[in-house]
N, C-alpha and C. Protein backbone atom coordinates (compact mmCIF):
# COMPACT_ATOMS: atom_id res chain seq x y z
N UNK A 1 -14.69 11.17 -8.57
CA UNK A 1 -13.59 11.17 -9.51
C UNK A 1 -12.31 11.50 -8.77
N UNK A 2 -11.23 10.76 -9.04
CA UNK A 2 -9.98 10.97 -8.31
C UNK A 2 -9.23 12.19 -8.83
N UNK A 3 -8.49 12.79 -7.92
CA UNK A 3 -7.64 13.93 -8.24
C UNK A 3 -6.25 13.48 -8.67
N UNK A 4 -5.80 12.34 -8.10
CA UNK A 4 -4.47 11.82 -8.40
C UNK A 4 -4.47 10.31 -8.24
N UNK A 5 -3.61 9.65 -9.00
CA UNK A 5 -3.44 8.21 -8.87
C UNK A 5 -1.98 7.90 -9.11
N UNK A 6 -1.37 7.11 -8.21
CA UNK A 6 0.04 6.81 -8.34
C UNK A 6 0.36 5.45 -7.76
N UNK A 7 1.42 4.82 -8.28
CA UNK A 7 1.89 3.54 -7.74
C UNK A 7 2.57 3.78 -6.41
N UNK A 8 2.24 2.95 -5.41
CA UNK A 8 2.97 3.03 -4.14
C UNK A 8 3.87 1.82 -3.95
N UNK A 9 3.84 0.90 -4.89
CA UNK A 9 4.80 -0.20 -4.95
C UNK A 9 5.01 -0.47 -6.43
N UNK A 10 6.26 -0.53 -6.85
CA UNK A 10 6.55 -0.66 -8.27
C UNK A 10 5.87 -1.87 -8.88
N UNK A 11 5.36 -1.73 -10.10
CA UNK A 11 4.71 -2.86 -10.77
C UNK A 11 5.70 -3.99 -11.05
N UNK A 12 5.15 -5.18 -11.16
CA UNK A 12 5.90 -6.40 -11.46
C UNK A 12 7.00 -6.68 -10.44
N UNK A 13 6.73 -6.38 -9.18
CA UNK A 13 7.66 -6.77 -8.13
C UNK A 13 7.57 -8.28 -7.97
N UNK A 14 8.68 -8.97 -8.15
CA UNK A 14 8.70 -10.42 -8.00
C UNK A 14 9.62 -10.78 -6.84
N UNK A 15 9.42 -11.93 -6.30
CA UNK A 15 10.23 -12.38 -5.18
C UNK A 15 11.69 -12.47 -5.59
N UNK A 16 12.55 -11.79 -4.85
CA UNK A 16 13.97 -11.79 -5.17
C UNK A 16 14.82 -12.23 -3.98
N UNK A 17 14.21 -12.88 -3.01
CA UNK A 17 14.94 -13.34 -1.84
C UNK A 17 14.79 -12.42 -0.64
N UNK A 18 14.32 -11.20 -0.86
CA UNK A 18 14.12 -10.26 0.24
C UNK A 18 12.77 -10.56 0.90
N UNK A 19 12.76 -10.67 2.21
CA UNK A 19 11.50 -10.99 2.89
C UNK A 19 10.70 -9.73 3.19
N UNK A 20 11.34 -8.55 3.15
CA UNK A 20 10.64 -7.29 3.40
C UNK A 20 10.96 -6.30 2.29
N UNK A 21 9.91 -5.70 1.74
CA UNK A 21 10.06 -4.65 0.73
C UNK A 21 9.17 -3.49 1.16
N UNK A 22 9.74 -2.29 1.22
CA UNK A 22 8.96 -1.11 1.57
C UNK A 22 8.90 -0.19 0.36
N UNK A 23 7.69 0.11 -0.08
CA UNK A 23 7.51 1.00 -1.21
C UNK A 23 7.84 2.44 -0.84
N UNK A 24 8.07 3.23 -1.85
CA UNK A 24 8.37 4.64 -1.64
C UNK A 24 7.14 5.37 -1.12
N UNK A 25 7.33 6.22 -0.14
CA UNK A 25 6.22 7.02 0.40
C UNK A 25 5.70 7.97 -0.66
N UNK A 26 4.39 8.00 -0.80
CA UNK A 26 3.74 8.90 -1.75
C UNK A 26 2.77 9.79 -1.00
N UNK A 27 2.52 10.95 -1.56
CA UNK A 27 1.60 11.88 -0.91
C UNK A 27 0.20 11.29 -0.87
N UNK A 28 -0.48 11.51 0.25
CA UNK A 28 -1.85 11.05 0.43
C UNK A 28 -2.79 12.23 0.26
N UNK A 29 -4.08 12.01 0.44
CA UNK A 29 -5.10 13.02 0.14
C UNK A 29 -4.90 14.32 0.90
N UNK A 30 -4.51 14.26 2.16
CA UNK A 30 -4.40 15.48 2.96
C UNK A 30 -3.15 16.30 2.66
N UNK A 31 -2.22 15.74 1.88
CA UNK A 31 -1.01 16.49 1.56
C UNK A 31 -1.35 17.74 0.75
N UNK A 32 -2.18 17.56 -0.26
CA UNK A 32 -2.57 18.68 -1.12
C UNK A 32 -3.96 19.22 -0.79
N UNK A 33 -4.82 18.33 -0.36
CA UNK A 33 -6.22 18.67 -0.15
C UNK A 33 -6.52 18.53 1.35
N UNK A 34 -6.03 19.43 2.15
CA UNK A 34 -6.01 19.34 3.60
C UNK A 34 -7.23 18.76 4.28
N UNK A 35 -8.39 18.93 3.74
CA UNK A 35 -9.59 18.43 4.40
C UNK A 35 -10.07 17.09 3.84
N UNK A 36 -9.32 16.48 2.96
CA UNK A 36 -9.71 15.19 2.38
C UNK A 36 -9.28 14.06 3.29
N UNK A 37 -10.14 13.04 3.42
CA UNK A 37 -9.77 11.95 4.30
C UNK A 37 -10.04 10.56 3.72
N UNK A 38 -10.24 10.47 2.41
CA UNK A 38 -10.44 9.16 1.81
C UNK A 38 -9.43 8.94 0.68
N UNK A 39 -8.70 7.82 0.79
CA UNK A 39 -7.79 7.37 -0.24
C UNK A 39 -8.28 6.00 -0.68
N UNK A 40 -8.26 5.72 -1.96
CA UNK A 40 -8.61 4.40 -2.47
C UNK A 40 -7.32 3.69 -2.86
N UNK A 41 -7.10 2.54 -2.26
CA UNK A 41 -5.91 1.74 -2.56
C UNK A 41 -6.36 0.52 -3.35
N UNK A 42 -5.71 0.28 -4.48
CA UNK A 42 -6.02 -0.89 -5.29
C UNK A 42 -4.75 -1.73 -5.48
N UNK A 43 -4.93 -3.02 -5.72
CA UNK A 43 -3.79 -3.91 -5.88
C UNK A 43 -4.12 -5.01 -6.86
N UNK A 44 -3.06 -5.55 -7.44
CA UNK A 44 -3.18 -6.69 -8.35
C UNK A 44 -2.06 -7.66 -7.99
N UNK A 45 -2.45 -8.86 -7.55
CA UNK A 45 -1.50 -9.86 -7.08
C UNK A 45 -1.69 -11.15 -7.86
N UNK A 46 -0.60 -11.89 -8.07
CA UNK A 46 -0.66 -13.18 -8.75
C UNK A 46 0.15 -14.19 -7.95
N UNK A 47 -0.54 -15.18 -7.38
CA UNK A 47 0.09 -16.24 -6.58
C UNK A 47 0.99 -15.66 -5.49
N UNK A 48 0.55 -14.57 -4.89
CA UNK A 48 1.33 -13.86 -3.87
C UNK A 48 1.28 -14.61 -2.55
N UNK A 49 2.45 -14.83 -1.97
CA UNK A 49 2.56 -15.49 -0.68
C UNK A 49 3.40 -14.60 0.23
N UNK A 50 2.74 -13.86 1.09
CA UNK A 50 3.40 -12.93 2.00
C UNK A 50 2.35 -12.10 2.69
N UNK A 51 2.78 -11.01 3.31
CA UNK A 51 1.87 -10.09 3.98
C UNK A 51 2.00 -8.73 3.31
N UNK A 52 0.91 -8.21 2.78
CA UNK A 52 0.90 -6.91 2.12
C UNK A 52 0.16 -5.91 3.01
N UNK A 53 0.88 -4.90 3.48
CA UNK A 53 0.32 -3.90 4.37
C UNK A 53 0.26 -2.54 3.68
N UNK A 54 -0.78 -1.78 3.98
CA UNK A 54 -0.86 -0.39 3.58
C UNK A 54 -0.60 0.42 4.84
N UNK A 55 0.39 1.30 4.77
CA UNK A 55 0.78 2.11 5.92
C UNK A 55 0.63 3.58 5.59
N UNK A 56 0.35 4.38 6.62
CA UNK A 56 0.17 5.82 6.42
C UNK A 56 0.69 6.56 7.64
N UNK A 57 0.82 7.88 7.49
CA UNK A 57 1.28 8.72 8.59
C UNK A 57 0.64 10.10 8.49
N UNK A 58 0.53 10.73 9.64
CA UNK A 58 0.04 12.11 9.74
C UNK A 58 1.20 13.11 9.79
N UNK A 59 2.42 12.61 9.84
CA UNK A 59 3.62 13.42 10.04
C UNK A 59 4.16 13.89 8.69
N UNK A 60 4.52 15.17 8.60
CA UNK A 60 5.02 15.73 7.34
C UNK A 60 6.38 15.18 6.94
N UNK A 61 7.26 14.95 7.91
CA UNK A 61 8.60 14.40 7.65
C UNK A 61 8.76 13.13 8.49
N UNK A 62 8.17 12.01 8.06
CA UNK A 62 8.11 10.82 8.90
C UNK A 62 9.44 10.09 9.04
N UNK A 63 9.61 9.48 10.21
CA UNK A 63 10.71 8.55 10.44
C UNK A 63 10.11 7.16 10.53
N UNK A 64 10.90 6.17 10.80
CA UNK A 64 10.43 4.79 10.82
C UNK A 64 9.31 4.51 11.78
N UNK A 65 9.27 5.19 12.92
CA UNK A 65 8.25 4.91 13.93
C UNK A 65 6.96 5.70 13.72
N UNK A 66 6.92 6.57 12.74
CA UNK A 66 5.73 7.40 12.50
C UNK A 66 4.66 6.70 11.64
N UNK A 67 4.98 5.55 11.09
CA UNK A 67 4.07 4.85 10.19
C UNK A 67 3.17 3.90 10.96
N UNK A 68 1.88 3.87 10.58
CA UNK A 68 0.94 2.91 11.15
C UNK A 68 0.32 2.09 10.03
N UNK A 69 -0.02 0.86 10.33
CA UNK A 69 -0.70 0.02 9.36
C UNK A 69 -2.18 0.38 9.36
N UNK A 70 -2.69 0.80 8.21
CA UNK A 70 -4.09 1.19 8.10
C UNK A 70 -4.93 0.11 7.41
N UNK A 71 -4.27 -0.83 6.74
CA UNK A 71 -5.00 -1.93 6.10
C UNK A 71 -4.04 -3.08 5.82
N UNK A 72 -4.48 -4.30 6.12
CA UNK A 72 -3.73 -5.50 5.82
C UNK A 72 -4.45 -6.23 4.69
N UNK A 73 -3.88 -6.19 3.51
CA UNK A 73 -4.51 -6.76 2.31
C UNK A 73 -4.71 -8.27 2.44
N UNK A 74 -3.76 -8.96 3.06
CA UNK A 74 -3.77 -10.42 3.10
C UNK A 74 -4.42 -11.00 4.35
N UNK A 75 -4.82 -10.18 5.29
CA UNK A 75 -5.38 -10.65 6.55
C UNK A 75 -6.62 -11.52 6.33
N UNK A 76 -6.57 -12.74 6.84
CA UNK A 76 -7.72 -13.64 6.76
C UNK A 76 -7.93 -14.30 5.41
N UNK A 77 -7.04 -14.06 4.45
CA UNK A 77 -7.19 -14.64 3.11
C UNK A 77 -6.27 -15.84 2.95
N UNK A 78 -6.69 -16.78 2.14
CA UNK A 78 -5.91 -17.97 1.87
C UNK A 78 -4.75 -17.64 0.93
N UNK A 79 -3.54 -18.08 1.28
CA UNK A 79 -2.35 -17.84 0.46
C UNK A 79 -1.96 -19.12 -0.24
N UNK A 80 -1.36 -19.06 -1.43
CA UNK A 80 -1.05 -17.86 -2.20
C UNK A 80 -2.32 -17.19 -2.73
N UNK A 81 -2.22 -15.88 -2.89
CA UNK A 81 -3.37 -15.06 -3.23
C UNK A 81 -3.24 -14.48 -4.63
N UNK A 82 -4.26 -14.72 -5.46
CA UNK A 82 -4.38 -14.07 -6.76
C UNK A 82 -5.63 -13.21 -6.68
N UNK A 83 -5.44 -11.88 -6.81
CA UNK A 83 -6.56 -10.98 -6.57
C UNK A 83 -6.31 -9.62 -7.21
N UNK A 84 -7.39 -9.05 -7.73
CA UNK A 84 -7.43 -7.65 -8.16
C UNK A 84 -8.55 -7.03 -7.34
N UNK A 85 -8.21 -6.11 -6.46
CA UNK A 85 -9.23 -5.56 -5.58
C UNK A 85 -8.83 -4.16 -5.12
N UNK A 86 -9.66 -3.60 -4.23
CA UNK A 86 -9.40 -2.26 -3.70
C UNK A 86 -10.07 -2.11 -2.35
N UNK A 87 -9.68 -1.05 -1.64
CA UNK A 87 -10.35 -0.66 -0.39
C UNK A 87 -10.21 0.85 -0.24
N UNK A 88 -11.14 1.44 0.49
CA UNK A 88 -11.03 2.85 0.85
C UNK A 88 -10.38 2.94 2.22
N UNK A 89 -9.39 3.79 2.34
CA UNK A 89 -8.70 4.03 3.60
C UNK A 89 -9.07 5.43 4.05
N UNK A 90 -9.68 5.52 5.22
CA UNK A 90 -10.11 6.82 5.74
C UNK A 90 -9.11 7.35 6.75
N UNK A 91 -8.81 8.64 6.65
CA UNK A 91 -7.89 9.31 7.57
C UNK A 91 -7.25 10.50 6.88
N UNK A 92 -6.94 11.52 7.62
CA UNK A 92 -6.29 12.71 7.06
C UNK A 92 -4.79 12.49 6.95
N UNK A 93 -4.41 11.48 6.19
CA UNK A 93 -3.01 11.10 6.08
C UNK A 93 -2.26 12.02 5.11
N UNK A 94 -1.00 12.26 5.44
CA UNK A 94 -0.14 13.10 4.62
C UNK A 94 0.66 12.22 3.65
N UNK A 95 1.11 11.06 4.11
CA UNK A 95 1.89 10.13 3.30
C UNK A 95 1.28 8.74 3.40
N UNK A 96 1.47 7.94 2.35
CA UNK A 96 0.98 6.57 2.32
C UNK A 96 2.01 5.72 1.57
N UNK A 97 2.10 4.44 1.95
CA UNK A 97 3.05 3.54 1.30
C UNK A 97 2.56 2.10 1.46
N UNK A 98 3.18 1.21 0.72
CA UNK A 98 2.90 -0.23 0.85
C UNK A 98 4.15 -0.90 1.41
N UNK A 99 3.93 -1.91 2.23
CA UNK A 99 5.05 -2.69 2.75
C UNK A 99 4.70 -4.17 2.65
N UNK A 100 5.67 -4.96 2.21
CA UNK A 100 5.51 -6.40 2.11
C UNK A 100 6.41 -7.04 3.15
N UNK A 101 5.83 -7.93 3.96
CA UNK A 101 6.59 -8.68 4.95
C UNK A 101 6.44 -10.17 4.68
N UNK A 102 7.41 -10.95 5.10
CA UNK A 102 7.40 -12.41 4.96
C UNK A 102 7.10 -12.82 3.52
N UNK A 103 7.71 -12.10 2.58
CA UNK A 103 7.52 -12.36 1.14
C UNK A 103 8.20 -13.67 0.79
N UNK A 104 7.43 -14.63 0.28
CA UNK A 104 7.95 -15.94 -0.04
C UNK A 104 7.94 -16.20 -1.55
N UNK A 105 6.85 -15.79 -2.22
CA UNK A 105 6.75 -16.05 -3.65
C UNK A 105 5.62 -15.24 -4.26
N UNK A 106 5.55 -15.26 -5.58
CA UNK A 106 4.47 -14.61 -6.30
C UNK A 106 4.86 -13.28 -6.91
N UNK A 107 3.87 -12.67 -7.55
CA UNK A 107 4.09 -11.41 -8.26
C UNK A 107 3.12 -10.35 -7.74
N UNK A 108 3.67 -9.17 -7.49
CA UNK A 108 2.86 -8.00 -7.17
C UNK A 108 2.83 -7.16 -8.43
N UNK A 109 1.71 -7.19 -9.15
CA UNK A 109 1.62 -6.42 -10.40
C UNK A 109 1.62 -4.92 -10.12
N UNK A 110 0.83 -4.51 -9.12
CA UNK A 110 0.85 -3.11 -8.73
C UNK A 110 0.08 -2.92 -7.43
N UNK A 111 0.41 -1.85 -6.75
CA UNK A 111 -0.35 -1.32 -5.63
C UNK A 111 -0.44 0.17 -5.89
N UNK A 112 -1.67 0.69 -6.00
CA UNK A 112 -1.87 2.09 -6.36
C UNK A 112 -2.75 2.79 -5.33
N UNK A 113 -2.57 4.10 -5.23
CA UNK A 113 -3.43 4.91 -4.39
C UNK A 113 -4.05 6.01 -5.25
N UNK A 114 -5.32 6.27 -5.01
CA UNK A 114 -6.04 7.35 -5.71
C UNK A 114 -6.78 8.17 -4.68
N UNK A 115 -6.90 9.46 -4.97
CA UNK A 115 -7.71 10.34 -4.11
C UNK A 115 -8.23 11.49 -4.91
């Protein structure tokens, strides 16, 4: 059972001409629960054409170079992508966020993290 669930990319994000969108950093499992190392990330996409990355950091006050990609949602999948799915991300991360690169079209209904 999850302790917390929050959006890491605002719902109903639609293509607005920006090729890169970075979601707001949200606390990950280790922020409050120091020994926790599993976060569940879920997403809902409709005709999405771009690259959706899940990024995390171990740093309490991260800068741009402190973020690493821990999961690529679109890697190896045929685009445009319509999908409702999830993955478990393991690591003692303090912060987690979603980033979209090469955004061309489609709708991101939501990207959420639970722990």
